[in-house]
Amino acid sequence: MNADNLRAGSARSEAEELLAASADWDLSPSRRLHHKDLLMQQIDHELSASKEKSPASSRRRLPRLALALPAMSLAVAGALVVTLSGGDHGSAPAAGSTASAPARADGATVTLGRIAAAAMKTETPPVKEDQFVYVQRLARENKGAFGGPVMLGAAHREESWMAQEPGSTTTTGWLRASGKEAVMPGQLIPLTSATPVGPGLWYPTYAWLASLPTDPDDLLELLHAQTTVGEGESEDEAVFRTIGDLLGRVIMPPATASALYKAVARIPGVTWIPDAVDAAGRHGVGITHKDSGSATRSVLIFDGDTLAYIGSQGYFVGGAQGTAGDVLFGTDAVMDRGVVDRQGEVPAKAAG
């Protein structure tokens, strides 16, 4: 999310067909990680139930969330939050991950202070209103059957282009996926809204980010005021997840980035994790938020040397989804960021 982040590494199913029928994003791209597993499992469950009488029907595998959600998805996902809400990621070791450390009480504060200081020292070129913020990431998602155990699919690549127009717009960006587990591979898909949206949490342009208060208490107050809280989750958890959403899809002014990390340190229940692993297999330090009423939990991962944000993990916490312990259900890794002049264009270092 700052200059260090710019170098942070360098036959569709029937459900996918249904989702691809509309490219409207009533949910922002940032919220899709939170809803993807729940929404797709519900769709799979309903499709399977409708075919129960067919002798040819077999147990379906869960598809990943399509790159474009139809207009009805917001209502469906909102209803699902009642059953299984919370952050996107969590903490308990599956292979290649570690649980939240029973570490010193000030571990998160100290780590976030170092991250904030590193962010302030970086140089990030401003993004012009006619340009796009490019982010390339690797992602692994749950492919398990509805009601069955979590099964992580293979890693696939996703690229996004965030528009920077200062006024309201119905097209806030573009997405393209590639790889074995990708939906609609190679196609450039617009991220659209049914109604125009202006710069803000749902459309975080560089200029809007630069306009945010740099006092961490004021910034945290603003985030609490503007963040949508789902049923069954706390306001603190919703704000933590919103911050994680921003980290994975923007380029941010250094002063704003530094204030954001200091704001995270002020959220009750934030915990330090000494070792966390992103989708690319890179080890780093993690920051997570624990909410007793949530079925999922987020882990934000930072490079151990540069302290740049590099990815995230998502867990079902103990007891959720019929699990005995915490189970990893998704992970990603930010491989590249840059600024380009057109959607579909890739920065030279990413292309190389």
Protein backbone atom coordinates (compact mmCIF):
# COMPACT_ATOMS: atom_id res chain seq x y z
CA MET A 1 0.00 0.00 0.00
CA ASN A 2 3.03 2.25 -0.11
CA ALA A 3 6.21 2.28 -2.21
CA ASP A 4 7.53 -0.86 -0.53
CA ASN A 5 4.27 -2.55 -1.43
CA LEU A 6 4.83 -1.68 -5.06
CA ARG A 7 7.56 -4.33 -5.01
CA ALA A 8 5.97 -6.85 -2.64
CA GLY A 9 7.10 -9.64 -4.94
CA SER A 10 6.42 -9.68 -8.30
CA ALA A 11 -16.24 -25.27 -18.97
CA ARG A 12 -17.54 -22.76 -16.08
CA SER A 13 -19.96 -24.49 -13.64
CA GLU A 14 -23.67 -23.75 -13.74
CA ALA A 15 -23.39 -21.55 -10.69
CA GLU A 16 -20.64 -19.56 -12.35
CA GLU A 17 -22.77 -19.17 -15.47
CA LEU A 18 -25.56 -17.75 -13.32
CA LEU A 19 -23.24 -15.31 -11.64
CA ALA A 20 -21.62 -14.24 -14.89
CA ALA A 21 -24.97 -13.27 -16.34
CA SER A 22 -24.58 -9.85 -14.76
CA ALA A 23 -21.49 -7.78 -14.17
CA ASP A 24 -23.10 -5.50 -11.57
CA TRP A 25 -21.22 -5.19 -8.28
CA ASP A 26 -23.70 -4.20 -5.60
CA LEU A 27 -20.94 -5.39 -3.26
CA SER A 28 -17.58 -3.70 -3.50
CA PRO A 29 -14.63 -5.87 -4.48
CA SER A 30 -13.38 -5.52 -0.94
CA ARG A 31 -16.39 -7.29 0.53
CA ARG A 32 -16.26 -10.31 -1.78
CA LEU A 33 -13.63 -12.15 0.27
CA HIS A 34 -15.91 -11.96 3.29
CA HIS A 35 -18.93 -13.32 1.41
CA LYS A 36 -17.35 -15.56 -1.24
CA ASP A 37 -17.33 -18.85 0.65
CA LEU A 38 -20.74 -18.31 2.21
CA LEU A 39 -22.45 -17.15 -0.96
CA MET A 40 -21.04 -19.85 -3.19
CA GLN A 41 -21.82 -22.60 -0.70
CA GLN A 42 -25.41 -21.37 -0.48
CA ILE A 43 -25.73 -21.29 -4.26
CA ASP A 44 -24.24 -24.77 -4.51
CA HIS A 45 -26.59 -26.04 -1.82
CA GLU A 46 -29.67 -24.63 -3.55
CA LEU A 47 -28.64 -25.97 -6.95
CA SER A 48 -27.94 -29.39 -5.49
CA ALA A 49 -31.30 -29.45 -3.70
CA SER A 50 -33.13 -28.65 -6.92
CA LYS A 51 -31.52 -31.70 -8.59
CA GLU A 52 -32.04 -34.21 -5.80
CA LYS A 53 -34.69 -36.10 -7.78
CA SER A 54 -32.41 -36.59 -10.76
CA PRO A 55 -30.57 -39.94 -10.70
CA ALA A 56 -27.81 -38.35 -12.75
CA SER A 57 -27.22 -35.69 -10.13
CA SER A 58 -23.94 -36.08 -8.27
CA ARG A 59 -22.34 -34.22 -5.40
CA ARG A 60 -21.17 -30.90 -6.73
CA ARG A 61 -17.94 -29.16 -5.97
CA LEU A 62 -18.01 -25.60 -4.77
CA PRO A 63 -17.08 -23.06 -7.42
CA ARG A 64 -15.27 -19.91 -6.37
CA LEU A 65 -17.04 -16.59 -6.39
CA ALA A 66 -17.40 -15.26 -9.91
CA LEU A 67 -15.58 -12.06 -10.70
CA ALA A 68 -18.85 -10.19 -11.13
CA LEU A 69 -21.71 -10.53 -8.69
CA PRO A 70 -25.28 -10.23 -9.98
CA ALA A 71 -27.50 -7.57 -8.49
CA MET A 72 -29.28 -10.05 -6.24
CA SER A 73 -26.04 -11.08 -4.55
CA LEU A 74 -26.06 -8.27 -2.00
CA ALA A 75 -29.33 -9.45 -0.49
CA VAL A 76 -28.21 -13.09 -0.50
CA ALA A 77 -24.86 -12.32 1.08
CA GLY A 78 -26.45 -10.03 3.65
CA ALA A 79 -28.76 -12.80 4.75
CA LEU A 80 -25.87 -15.21 5.05
CA VAL A 81 -24.01 -12.92 7.41
CA VAL A 82 -26.63 -13.67 10.05
CA THR A 83 -25.50 -17.29 10.05
CA LEU A 84 -21.79 -16.87 9.57
CA SER A 85 -20.37 -13.42 9.97
CA GLY A 86 -17.07 -11.82 10.82
CA GLY A 87 -13.69 -11.05 9.39
CA ASP A 88 -12.29 -12.73 6.39
CA HIS A 89 -9.39 -14.41 8.03
CA GLY A 90 -8.39 -15.93 11.26
CA SER A 91 -5.75 -17.75 13.10
CA ALA A 92 -5.17 -21.42 13.75
CA PRO A 93 -2.64 -23.45 12.07
CA ALA A 94 -3.33 -25.52 9.06
CA ALA A 95 -0.26 -26.52 7.10
CA GLY A 96 2.12 -23.64 6.73
CA SER A 97 0.50 -21.32 9.24
CA THR A 98 0.68 -20.56 12.94
CA ALA A 99 -1.84 -19.76 15.59
CA SER A 100 -2.17 -16.41 17.26
CA ALA A 101 0.73 -16.23 19.67
CA PRO A 102 0.15 -16.05 23.41
CA ALA A 103 2.74 -13.32 23.13
CA ARG A 104 3.42 -10.14 25.05
CA ALA A 105 0.41 -7.93 25.49
CA ASP A 106 2.06 -5.08 23.62
CA GLY A 107 3.19 -7.20 20.66
CA ALA A 108 0.57 -5.83 18.27
CA THR A 109 1.15 -2.23 19.35
CA VAL A 110 4.92 -2.49 18.97
CA THR A 111 4.69 -4.24 15.59
CA LEU A 112 2.13 -1.79 14.22
CA GLY A 113 4.25 1.10 15.44
CA ARG A 114 7.21 -0.22 13.43
CA ILE A 115 4.98 -0.76 10.39
CA ALA A 116 3.62 2.78 10.69
CA ALA A 117 7.14 4.23 10.91
CA ALA A 118 8.28 2.26 7.84
CA ALA A 119 5.22 3.42 5.88
CA MET A 120 5.92 7.04 6.70
CA LYS A 121 9.47 6.79 5.34
CA THR A 122 8.49 5.43 1.94
CA GLU A 123 7.89 7.48 -1.17
CA THR A 124 4.73 6.83 -3.12
CA PRO A 125 4.08 8.66 -6.39
CA PRO A 126 0.61 10.24 -6.52
CA VAL A 127 -1.98 8.67 -8.81
CA LYS A 128 -3.65 10.94 -11.37
CA GLU A 129 -7.40 11.06 -11.88
CA ASP A 130 -7.19 9.51 -15.36
CA GLN A 131 -4.97 6.62 -14.26
CA PHE A 132 -5.59 3.21 -12.67
CA VAL A 133 -4.10 1.48 -9.63
CA TYR A 134 -2.99 -1.99 -10.70
CA VAL A 135 -2.79 -4.85 -8.17
CA GLN A 136 -1.77 -8.42 -8.96
CA ARG A 137 -2.41 -11.11 -6.37
CA LEU A 138 -2.38 -14.88 -5.93
CA ALA A 139 -5.40 -16.45 -4.27
CA ARG A 140 -6.41 -19.86 -2.92
CA GLU A 141 -10.04 -20.44 -2.00
CA ASN A 142 -12.33 -23.10 -0.55
CA LYS A 143 -13.47 -25.66 -3.13
CA GLY A 144 -15.11 -28.05 -0.67
CA ALA A 145 -18.71 -29.19 -1.03
CA PHE A 146 -21.46 -27.45 0.90
CA GLY A 147 -21.52 -28.72 4.47
CA GLY A 148 -18.34 -30.72 3.87
CA PRO A 149 -14.75 -30.15 4.91
CA VAL A 150 -12.75 -27.20 3.64
CA MET A 151 -10.62 -28.02 0.60
CA LEU A 152 -8.29 -25.31 -0.66
CA GLY A 153 -8.01 -25.07 -4.42
CA ALA A 154 -4.85 -24.36 -6.35
CA ALA A 155 -3.50 -20.83 -6.43
CA HIS A 156 -4.66 -18.66 -9.31
CA ARG A 157 -3.80 -15.12 -10.33
CA GLU A 158 -6.14 -12.14 -10.11
CA GLU A 159 -5.43 -8.67 -11.48
CA SER A 160 -7.42 -5.55 -10.70
CA TRP A 161 -7.47 -2.01 -12.09
CA MET A 162 -9.01 0.56 -9.72
CA ALA A 163 -10.30 3.70 -11.44
CA GLN A 164 -9.47 7.11 -9.98
CA GLU A 165 -12.24 9.36 -11.34
CA PRO A 166 -13.07 12.08 -8.82
CA GLY A 167 -16.84 12.12 -9.37
CA SER A 168 -19.52 9.48 -9.09
CA THR A 169 -19.27 6.51 -11.43
CA THR A 170 -20.92 3.16 -12.04
CA THR A 171 -17.66 1.49 -13.15
CA THR A 172 -15.10 1.57 -10.37
CA GLY A 173 -12.58 -0.81 -11.89
CA TRP A 174 -11.82 -3.99 -13.79
CA LEU A 175 -10.79 -7.55 -12.93
CA ARG A 176 -9.05 -10.37 -14.79
CA ALA A 177 -8.24 -13.85 -13.52
CA SER A 178 -6.02 -16.62 -14.88
CA GLY A 179 -4.96 -20.08 -13.82
CA LYS A 180 -6.47 -23.50 -13.13
CA GLU A 181 -8.96 -22.32 -10.52
CA ALA A 182 -9.90 -19.04 -12.23
CA VAL A 183 -13.43 -18.14 -13.28
CA MET A 184 -13.79 -16.74 -16.80
CA PRO A 185 -9.99 -16.84 -17.28
CA GLY A 186 -8.41 -14.12 -19.37
CA GLN A 187 -11.53 -11.98 -19.59
CA LEU A 188 -11.43 -8.35 -18.48
CA ILE A 189 -14.54 -7.91 -16.33
CA PRO A 190 -15.85 -4.48 -15.31
CA LEU A 191 -16.67 -3.81 -11.68
CA THR A 192 -19.94 -1.94 -11.86
CA SER A 193 -22.50 -0.61 -9.44
CA ALA A 194 -26.25 -0.41 -10.01
CA THR A 195 -26.13 3.23 -8.93
CA PRO A 196 -23.25 5.72 -9.19
CA VAL A 197 -20.81 5.78 -6.28
CA GLY A 198 -18.32 8.47 -5.36
CA PRO A 199 -14.86 8.15 -3.80
CA GLY A 200 -14.99 6.54 -0.36
CA LEU A 201 -14.63 3.17 1.32
CA TRP A 202 -16.50 1.52 -1.56
CA TYR A 203 -14.42 3.37 -4.15
CA PRO A 204 -11.09 4.27 -2.50
CA THR A 205 -9.27 6.55 -4.93
CA TYR A 206 -5.80 7.87 -4.15
CA ALA A 207 -7.17 11.42 -3.83
CA TRP A 208 -9.80 10.29 -1.35
CA LEU A 209 -7.20 8.41 0.68
CA ALA A 210 -5.00 11.52 0.71
CA SER A 211 -7.93 13.53 2.10
CA LEU A 212 -8.35 11.32 5.17
CA PRO A 213 -7.27 12.61 8.59
CA THR A 214 -3.74 11.63 9.58
CA ASP A 215 -4.46 11.70 13.29
CA PRO A 216 -5.05 7.99 14.10
CA ASP A 217 -7.87 8.68 16.56
CA ASP A 218 -9.70 10.91 14.06
CA LEU A 219 -9.12 8.35 11.30
CA LEU A 220 -10.44 5.51 13.43
CA GLU A 221 -13.52 7.57 14.32
CA LEU A 222 -14.16 8.20 10.62
CA LEU A 223 -13.80 4.50 9.80
CA HIS A 224 -16.24 3.57 12.56
CA ALA A 225 -18.73 6.09 11.20
CA GLN A 226 -18.50 4.92 7.58
CA THR A 227 -18.03 1.14 7.94
CA THR A 228 -21.05 -1.11 7.42
CA VAL A 229 -21.44 -3.58 10.28
CA GLY A 230 -23.00 -6.94 9.41
CA GLU A 231 -25.36 -8.80 11.72
CA GLY A 232 -23.50 -10.96 14.18
CA GLU A 233 -20.24 -9.03 14.03
CA SER A 234 -18.90 -6.28 16.22
CA GLU A 235 -18.14 -2.79 15.01
CA ASP A 236 -14.44 -3.24 15.87
CA GLU A 237 -14.27 -6.39 13.75
CA ALA A 238 -16.00 -4.69 10.83
CA VAL A 239 -13.52 -1.81 10.95
CA PHE A 240 -10.55 -4.19 11.13
CA ARG A 241 -11.81 -6.06 8.08
CA THR A 242 -12.43 -2.82 6.21
CA ILE A 243 -8.84 -1.78 6.82
CA GLY A 244 -7.64 -5.14 5.54
CA ASP A 245 -9.78 -4.65 2.42
CA LEU A 246 -8.07 -1.33 1.74
CA LEU A 247 -4.57 -2.75 2.21
CA GLY A 248 -5.12 -5.34 -0.48
CA ARG A 249 -6.32 -3.08 -3.30
CA VAL A 250 -4.93 0.45 -3.15
CA ILE A 251 -1.81 2.55 -3.29
CA MET A 252 -1.90 4.90 -0.33
CA PRO A 253 -0.13 8.17 0.55
CA PRO A 254 2.56 7.52 3.21
CA ALA A 255 1.00 9.79 5.85
CA THR A 256 -2.39 8.11 5.44
CA ALA A 257 -0.79 4.65 5.54
CA SER A 258 1.09 5.45 8.73
CA ALA A 259 -2.04 6.82 10.42
CA LEU A 260 -4.01 3.76 9.34
CA TYR A 261 -1.58 1.38 11.03
CA LYS A 262 -1.62 3.45 14.20
CA ALA A 263 -5.42 3.33 14.07
CA VAL A 264 -5.33 -0.47 13.84
CA ALA A 265 -3.27 -0.56 17.03
CA ARG A 266 -6.11 1.24 18.81
CA ILE A 267 -8.71 -1.42 17.95
CA PRO A 268 -9.46 -3.60 21.02
CA GLY A 269 -8.68 -7.29 20.50
CA VAL A 270 -5.90 -6.83 17.96
CA THR A 271 -3.19 -9.47 18.38
CA TRP A 272 0.34 -10.01 17.05
CA ILE A 273 1.30 -13.25 15.26
CA PRO A 274 5.05 -13.92 14.98
CA ASP A 275 4.85 -16.04 11.83
CA ALA A 276 2.16 -16.11 9.13
CA VAL A 277 2.37 -17.38 5.55
CA ASP A 278 0.73 -15.87 2.47
CA ALA A 279 -0.54 -17.65 -0.66
CA ALA A 280 2.90 -17.37 -2.27
CA GLY A 281 4.55 -19.15 0.65
CA ARG A 282 6.22 -16.03 1.99
CA HIS A 283 6.63 -15.78 5.74
CA GLY A 284 5.93 -12.58 7.61
CA VAL A 285 4.47 -11.16 10.78
CA GLY A 286 0.71 -11.14 11.21
CA ILE A 287 -1.87 -8.93 12.84
CA THR A 288 -5.30 -10.34 13.63
CA HIS A 289 -8.48 -9.32 15.42
CA LYS A 290 -10.37 -11.74 17.61
CA ASP A 291 -14.10 -11.42 18.19
CA SER A 292 -15.79 -14.00 20.40
CA GLY A 293 -19.04 -13.86 18.41
CA SER A 294 -17.52 -14.36 14.99
CA ALA A 295 -17.21 -17.58 13.01
CA THR A 296 -14.29 -16.31 10.91
CA ARG A 297 -11.21 -14.25 11.54
CA SER A 298 -8.73 -12.19 9.49
CA VAL A 299 -4.93 -12.24 9.52
CA LEU A 300 -3.07 -9.40 7.81
CA ILE A 301 0.50 -10.34 6.85
CA PHE A 302 3.50 -8.00 6.59
CA ASP A 303 7.00 -8.65 5.26
CA GLY A 304 9.35 -9.28 8.16
CA ASP A 305 12.07 -7.03 6.72
CA THR A 306 10.37 -4.21 4.81
CA LEU A 307 7.14 -4.36 6.89
CA ALA A 308 5.14 -3.90 3.68
CA TYR A 309 1.71 -5.54 3.52
CA ILE A 310 2.04 -8.77 1.51
CA GLY A 311 -1.18 -10.76 1.94
CA SER A 312 -3.77 -12.30 4.20
CA GLN A 313 -5.24 -15.52 5.55
CA GLY A 314 -8.82 -16.54 6.34
CA TYR A 315 -9.93 -19.08 8.93
CA PHE A 316 -13.13 -20.62 10.20
CA VAL A 317 -12.65 -20.43 13.95
CA GLY A 318 -13.21 -23.42 16.25
CA GLY A 319 -16.74 -24.74 16.03
CA ALA A 320 -17.65 -22.94 12.82
CA GLN A 321 -18.51 -25.02 9.75
CA GLY A 322 -18.42 -28.14 11.93
CA THR A 323 -14.68 -27.80 12.54
CA ALA A 324 -13.02 -28.89 15.75
CA GLY A 325 -10.37 -26.21 15.50
CA ASP A 326 -9.46 -23.25 13.37
CA VAL A 327 -9.33 -24.15 9.68
CA LEU A 328 -7.75 -22.16 6.87
CA PHE A 329 -10.35 -21.50 4.16
CA GLY A 330 -8.60 -18.88 2.04
CA THR A 331 -5.34 -17.04 1.57
CA ASP A 332 -3.91 -14.49 -0.84
CA ALA A 333 -0.66 -12.73 -1.65
CA VAL A 334 -0.10 -9.30 -3.19
CA MET A 335 2.55 -9.87 -5.86
CA ASP A 336 2.71 -6.47 -7.51
CA ARG A 337 1.26 -2.97 -7.47
CA GLY A 338 1.65 -0.11 -9.88
CA VAL A 339 0.06 2.79 -11.69
CA VAL A 340 -1.03 2.46 -15.34
CA ASP A 341 -2.84 4.66 -17.84
CA ARG A 342 -5.43 2.16 -19.08
CA GLN A 343 -7.40 -0.80 -17.77
CA GLY A 344 -5.83 -4.06 -18.95
CA GLU A 345 -2.36 -2.50 -19.04
CA VAL A 346 0.29 -4.13 -16.85
CA PRO A 347 3.32 -2.37 -15.33
CA ALA A 348 6.61 -3.35 -16.97
CA LYS A 349 7.97 -5.13 -13.90
CA ALA A 350 4.76 -7.18 -13.55
CA ALA A 351 4.81 -8.08 -17.24
CA GLY A 352 8.41 -9.20 -16.89
